[in-house]
Amino acid sequence: MTLTRAHPRHITHVDSRQGVPGLADDTDKARMEALQARIDAAKATQAPKPHTEEHYSQAQLAWRMVIELVAGLGIGFGIGYGLDALFGTTPWLMIVFIFLGLAAGVKTMMRSAAEVQAKQVAKAAGEDGESDDGR
């Protein structure tokens, strides 16, 4: 097998076995099958694991709730400050909207806590049902 340069960017392949019918096809086919097997094996080792139900740690849940509360406060502060600047009622609307943001943040936190509790109750009910053998 020899390589020749047809163009600086292109390398052409000249096969010395081209004159023998069937020889190049059989060996190329075997090489391609071996290469495909190696590629499949490499893909199998790097394949992502199947998606399973995510289990959140208590720290992740706590951070989620803290972020929800702070987001509510921040949005309330921003709206109140903006309205105060617009209407010239300097501290009053900011104070009102901070409390509204706090209430919204607490409501969102309570909804998240209820969601987590519902998942835990459903999980516990599923475990109790399996160990009870349906009696």
C-alpha atoms as a PDB file:
ATOM      1  CA  MET A   1       0.000   0.000   0.000  1.00  0.00           C
ATOM      2  CA  THR A   2       1.379   3.378  -0.941  1.00  0.00           C
ATOM      3  CA  LEU A   3       0.150   6.891  -0.306  1.00  0.00           C
ATOM      4  CA  THR A   4       0.349   9.599  -2.902  1.00  0.00           C
ATOM      5  CA  ARG A   5      -0.372  13.306  -2.597  1.00  0.00           C
ATOM      6  CA  ALA A   6      -2.872  14.628  -5.072  1.00  0.00           C
ATOM      7  CA  HIS A   7      -3.306  17.983  -3.372  1.00  0.00           C
ATOM      8  CA  PRO A   8      -1.699  19.429  -0.231  1.00  0.00           C
ATOM      9  CA  ARG A   9      -4.950  18.854   1.702  1.00  0.00           C
ATOM     10  CA  HIS A  10      -5.930  15.508   0.223  1.00  0.00           C
ATOM     11  CA  ILE A  11      -4.164  12.188   0.542  1.00  0.00           C
ATOM     12  CA  THR A  12      -5.270   9.490  -1.842  1.00  0.00           C
ATOM     13  CA  HIS A  13      -5.009   5.807  -1.149  1.00  0.00           C
ATOM     14  CA  VAL A  14      -3.587   3.468  -3.755  1.00  0.00           C
ATOM     15  CA  ASP A  15      -4.178  -0.177  -2.902  1.00  0.00           C
ATOM     16  CA  SER A  16      -1.820  -2.702  -4.434  1.00  0.00           C
ATOM     17  CA  ARG A  17      -4.431  -5.471  -3.950  1.00  0.00           C
ATOM     18  CA  GLN A  18      -6.952  -3.904  -6.309  1.00  0.00           C
ATOM     19  CA  GLY A  19      -5.968  -6.252  -9.084  1.00  0.00           C
ATOM     20  CA  VAL A  20      -7.023  -9.376  -7.090  1.00  0.00           C
ATOM     21  CA  PRO A  21     -10.793  -9.734  -7.188  1.00  0.00           C
ATOM     22  CA  GLY A  22     -12.455 -10.419  -3.801  1.00  0.00           C
ATOM     23  CA  LEU A  23      -9.249 -10.148  -1.731  1.00  0.00           C
ATOM     24  CA  ALA A  24      -9.569  -6.467  -0.900  1.00  0.00           C
ATOM     25  CA  ASP A  25     -13.291  -6.746  -0.207  1.00  0.00           C
ATOM     26  CA  ASP A  26     -12.967  -9.658   2.245  1.00  0.00           C
ATOM     27  CA  THR A  27     -10.110  -8.172   4.246  1.00  0.00           C
ATOM     28  CA  ASP A  28     -11.692  -4.711   4.267  1.00  0.00           C
ATOM     29  CA  LYS A  29     -14.984  -6.175   5.408  1.00  0.00           C
ATOM     30  CA  ALA A  30     -13.288  -8.084   8.242  1.00  0.00           C
ATOM     31  CA  ARG A  31     -11.343  -4.987   9.273  1.00  0.00           C
ATOM     32  CA  MET A  32     -14.519  -2.869   9.242  1.00  0.00           C
ATOM     33  CA  GLU A  33     -16.372  -5.423  11.373  1.00  0.00           C
ATOM     34  CA  ALA A  34     -13.500  -5.516  13.863  1.00  0.00           C
ATOM     35  CA  LEU A  35     -13.403  -1.730  13.951  1.00  0.00           C
ATOM     36  CA  GLN A  36     -17.168  -1.549  14.503  1.00  0.00           C
ATOM     37  CA  ALA A  37     -16.879  -4.054  17.365  1.00  0.00           C
ATOM     38  CA  ARG A  38     -14.170  -1.909  18.987  1.00  0.00           C
ATOM     39  CA  ILE A  39     -16.285   1.226  18.567  1.00  0.00           C
ATOM     40  CA  ASP A  40     -19.331  -0.481  20.087  1.00  0.00           C
ATOM     41  CA  ALA A  41     -17.248  -1.688  23.043  1.00  0.00           C
ATOM     42  CA  ALA A  42     -15.860   1.813  23.622  1.00  0.00           C
ATOM     43  CA  LYS A  43     -19.347   3.333  23.452  1.00  0.00           C
ATOM     44  CA  ALA A  44     -20.656   0.755  25.911  1.00  0.00           C
ATOM     45  CA  THR A  45     -18.059   1.692  28.504  1.00  0.00           C
ATOM     46  CA  GLN A  46     -18.844   5.403  28.164  1.00  0.00           C
ATOM     47  CA  ALA A  47     -22.616   5.111  27.825  1.00  0.00           C
ATOM     48  CA  PRO A  48     -24.551   7.187  30.359  1.00  0.00           C
ATOM     49  CA  LYS A  49     -26.251   5.304  33.116  1.00  0.00           C
ATOM     50  CA  PRO A  50     -30.020   5.007  32.737  1.00  0.00           C
ATOM     51  CA  HIS A  51     -31.954   7.805  34.394  1.00  0.00           C
ATOM     52  CA  THR A  52     -33.217   6.752  37.775  1.00  0.00           C
ATOM     53  CA  GLU A  53     -35.254   8.576  40.349  1.00  0.00           C
ATOM     54  CA  GLU A  54     -33.151  11.286  41.901  1.00  0.00           C
ATOM     55  CA  HIS A  55     -32.779  11.254  45.647  1.00  0.00           C
ATOM     56  CA  TYR A  56     -32.154  14.628  47.149  1.00  0.00           C
ATOM     57  CA  SER A  57     -30.149  14.970  50.298  1.00  0.00           C
ATOM     58  CA  GLN A  58     -31.478  17.020  53.159  1.00  0.00           C
ATOM     59  CA  ALA A  59     -28.873  19.711  52.486  1.00  0.00           C
ATOM     60  CA  GLN A  60     -30.069  20.113  48.896  1.00  0.00           C
ATOM     61  CA  LEU A  61     -33.650  20.489  50.071  1.00  0.00           C
ATOM     62  CA  ALA A  62     -32.617  23.033  52.699  1.00  0.00           C
ATOM     63  CA  TRP A  63     -30.715  25.094  50.125  1.00  0.00           C
ATOM     64  CA  ARG A  64     -33.692  24.986  47.787  1.00  0.00           C
ATOM     65  CA  MET A  65     -35.945  26.365  50.509  1.00  0.00           C
ATOM     66  CA  VAL A  66     -33.469  29.064  51.496  1.00  0.00           C
ATOM     67  CA  ILE A  67     -33.103  30.156  47.875  1.00  0.00           C
ATOM     68  CA  GLU A  68     -36.884  30.294  47.482  1.00  0.00           C
ATOM     69  CA  LEU A  69     -37.186  32.512  50.557  1.00  0.00           C
ATOM     70  CA  VAL A  70     -34.363  34.827  49.511  1.00  0.00           C
ATOM     71  CA  ALA A  71     -35.774  35.058  45.982  1.00  0.00           C
ATOM     72  CA  GLY A  72     -39.158  36.114  47.360  1.00  0.00           C
ATOM     73  CA  LEU A  73     -37.521  38.759  49.542  1.00  0.00           C
ATOM     74  CA  GLY A  74     -35.356  40.004  46.681  1.00  0.00           C
ATOM     75  CA  ILE A  75     -38.233  40.272  44.244  1.00  0.00           C
ATOM     76  CA  GLY A  76     -40.370  42.047  46.845  1.00  0.00           C
ATOM     77  CA  PHE A  77     -37.540  44.463  47.590  1.00  0.00           C
ATOM     78  CA  GLY A  78     -36.991  45.160  43.901  1.00  0.00           C
ATOM     79  CA  ILE A  79     -40.652  45.828  43.183  1.00  0.00           C
ATOM     80  CA  GLY A  80     -41.039  48.000  46.290  1.00  0.00           C
ATOM     81  CA  TYR A  81     -37.897  49.990  45.602  1.00  0.00           C
ATOM     82  CA  GLY A  82     -38.902  50.522  41.991  1.00  0.00           C
ATOM     83  CA  LEU A  83     -42.385  51.703  42.911  1.00  0.00           C
ATOM     84  CA  ASP A  84     -40.969  53.968  45.636  1.00  0.00           C
ATOM     85  CA  ALA A  85     -38.634  55.565  43.116  1.00  0.00           C
ATOM     86  CA  LEU A  86     -41.501  55.948  40.647  1.00  0.00           C
ATOM     87  CA  PHE A  87     -44.069  57.407  43.061  1.00  0.00           C
ATOM     88  CA  GLY A  88     -41.693  59.113  45.546  1.00  0.00           C
ATOM     89  CA  THR A  89     -43.041  57.253  48.600  1.00  0.00           C
ATOM     90  CA  THR A  90     -39.528  56.345  49.658  1.00  0.00           C
ATOM     91  CA  PRO A  91     -39.669  53.661  52.351  1.00  0.00           C
ATOM     92  CA  TRP A  92     -43.339  52.652  52.474  1.00  0.00           C
ATOM     93  CA  LEU A  93     -43.907  50.602  49.344  1.00  0.00           C
ATOM     94  CA  MET A  94     -40.522  48.937  49.775  1.00  0.00           C
ATOM     95  CA  ILE A  95     -41.494  47.815  53.294  1.00  0.00           C
ATOM     96  CA  VAL A  96     -44.897  46.570  52.112  1.00  0.00           C
ATOM     97  CA  PHE A  97     -43.441  44.617  49.206  1.00  0.00           C
ATOM     98  CA  ILE A  98     -40.654  43.158  51.340  1.00  0.00           C
ATOM     99  CA  PHE A  99     -43.324  41.669  53.591  1.00  0.00           C
ATOM    100  CA  LEU A 100     -45.302  40.474  50.562  1.00  0.00           C
ATOM    101  CA  GLY A 101     -42.116  38.899  49.180  1.00  0.00           C
ATOM    102  CA  LEU A 102     -41.477  37.260  52.547  1.00  0.00           C
ATOM    103  CA  ALA A 103     -45.006  35.849  52.536  1.00  0.00           C
ATOM    104  CA  ALA A 104     -44.586  34.570  48.975  1.00  0.00           C
ATOM    105  CA  GLY A 105     -41.228  32.990  49.858  1.00  0.00           C
ATOM    106  CA  VAL A 106     -42.663  31.271  52.941  1.00  0.00           C
ATOM    107  CA  LYS A 107     -45.639  30.027  50.894  1.00  0.00           C
ATOM    108  CA  THR A 108     -43.272  28.592  48.279  1.00  0.00           C
ATOM    109  CA  MET A 109     -41.166  26.975  51.009  1.00  0.00           C
ATOM    110  CA  MET A 110     -44.255  25.384  52.537  1.00  0.00           C
ATOM    111  CA  ARG A 111     -45.303  24.063  49.123  1.00  0.00           C
ATOM    112  CA  SER A 112     -41.832  22.529  48.649  1.00  0.00           C
ATOM    113  CA  ALA A 113     -41.961  20.965  52.109  1.00  0.00           C
ATOM    114  CA  ALA A 114     -45.407  19.500  51.373  1.00  0.00           C
ATOM    115  CA  GLU A 115     -44.106  18.091  48.082  1.00  0.00           C
ATOM    116  CA  VAL A 116     -41.161  16.411  49.821  1.00  0.00           C
ATOM    117  CA  GLN A 117     -43.420  15.084  52.562  1.00  0.00           C
ATOM    118  CA  ALA A 118     -45.875  13.658  50.015  1.00  0.00           C
ATOM    119  CA  LYS A 119     -43.024  11.860  48.240  1.00  0.00           C
ATOM    120  CA  GLN A 120     -41.774  10.396  51.524  1.00  0.00           C
ATOM    121  CA  VAL A 121     -45.269   9.264  52.523  1.00  0.00           C
ATOM    122  CA  ALA A 122     -45.801   7.647  49.113  1.00  0.00           C
ATOM    123  CA  LYS A 123     -42.446   5.901  49.385  1.00  0.00           C
ATOM    124  CA  ALA A 124     -43.222   4.650  52.886  1.00  0.00           C
ATOM    125  CA  ALA A 125     -46.671   3.452  51.770  1.00  0.00           C
ATOM    126  CA  GLY A 126     -45.085   1.592  48.863  1.00  0.00           C
ATOM    127  CA  GLU A 127     -42.611  -0.134  51.164  1.00  0.00           C
ATOM    128  CA  ASP A 128     -45.333  -1.086  53.649  1.00  0.00           C
ATOM    129  CA  GLY A 129     -47.529  -2.469  50.872  1.00  0.00           C
ATOM    130  CA  GLU A 130     -44.738  -4.651  49.509  1.00  0.00           C
ATOM    131  CA  SER A 131     -43.784  -6.144  52.862  1.00  0.00           C
ATOM    132  CA  ASP A 132     -47.438  -6.795  53.791  1.00  0.00           C
ATOM    133  CA  ASP A 133     -47.896  -9.249  50.869  1.00  0.00           C
ATOM    134  CA  GLY A 134     -51.316  -7.758  50.131  1.00  0.00           C
ATOM    135  CA  ARG A 135     -53.085  -9.263  53.179  1.00  0.00           C
END
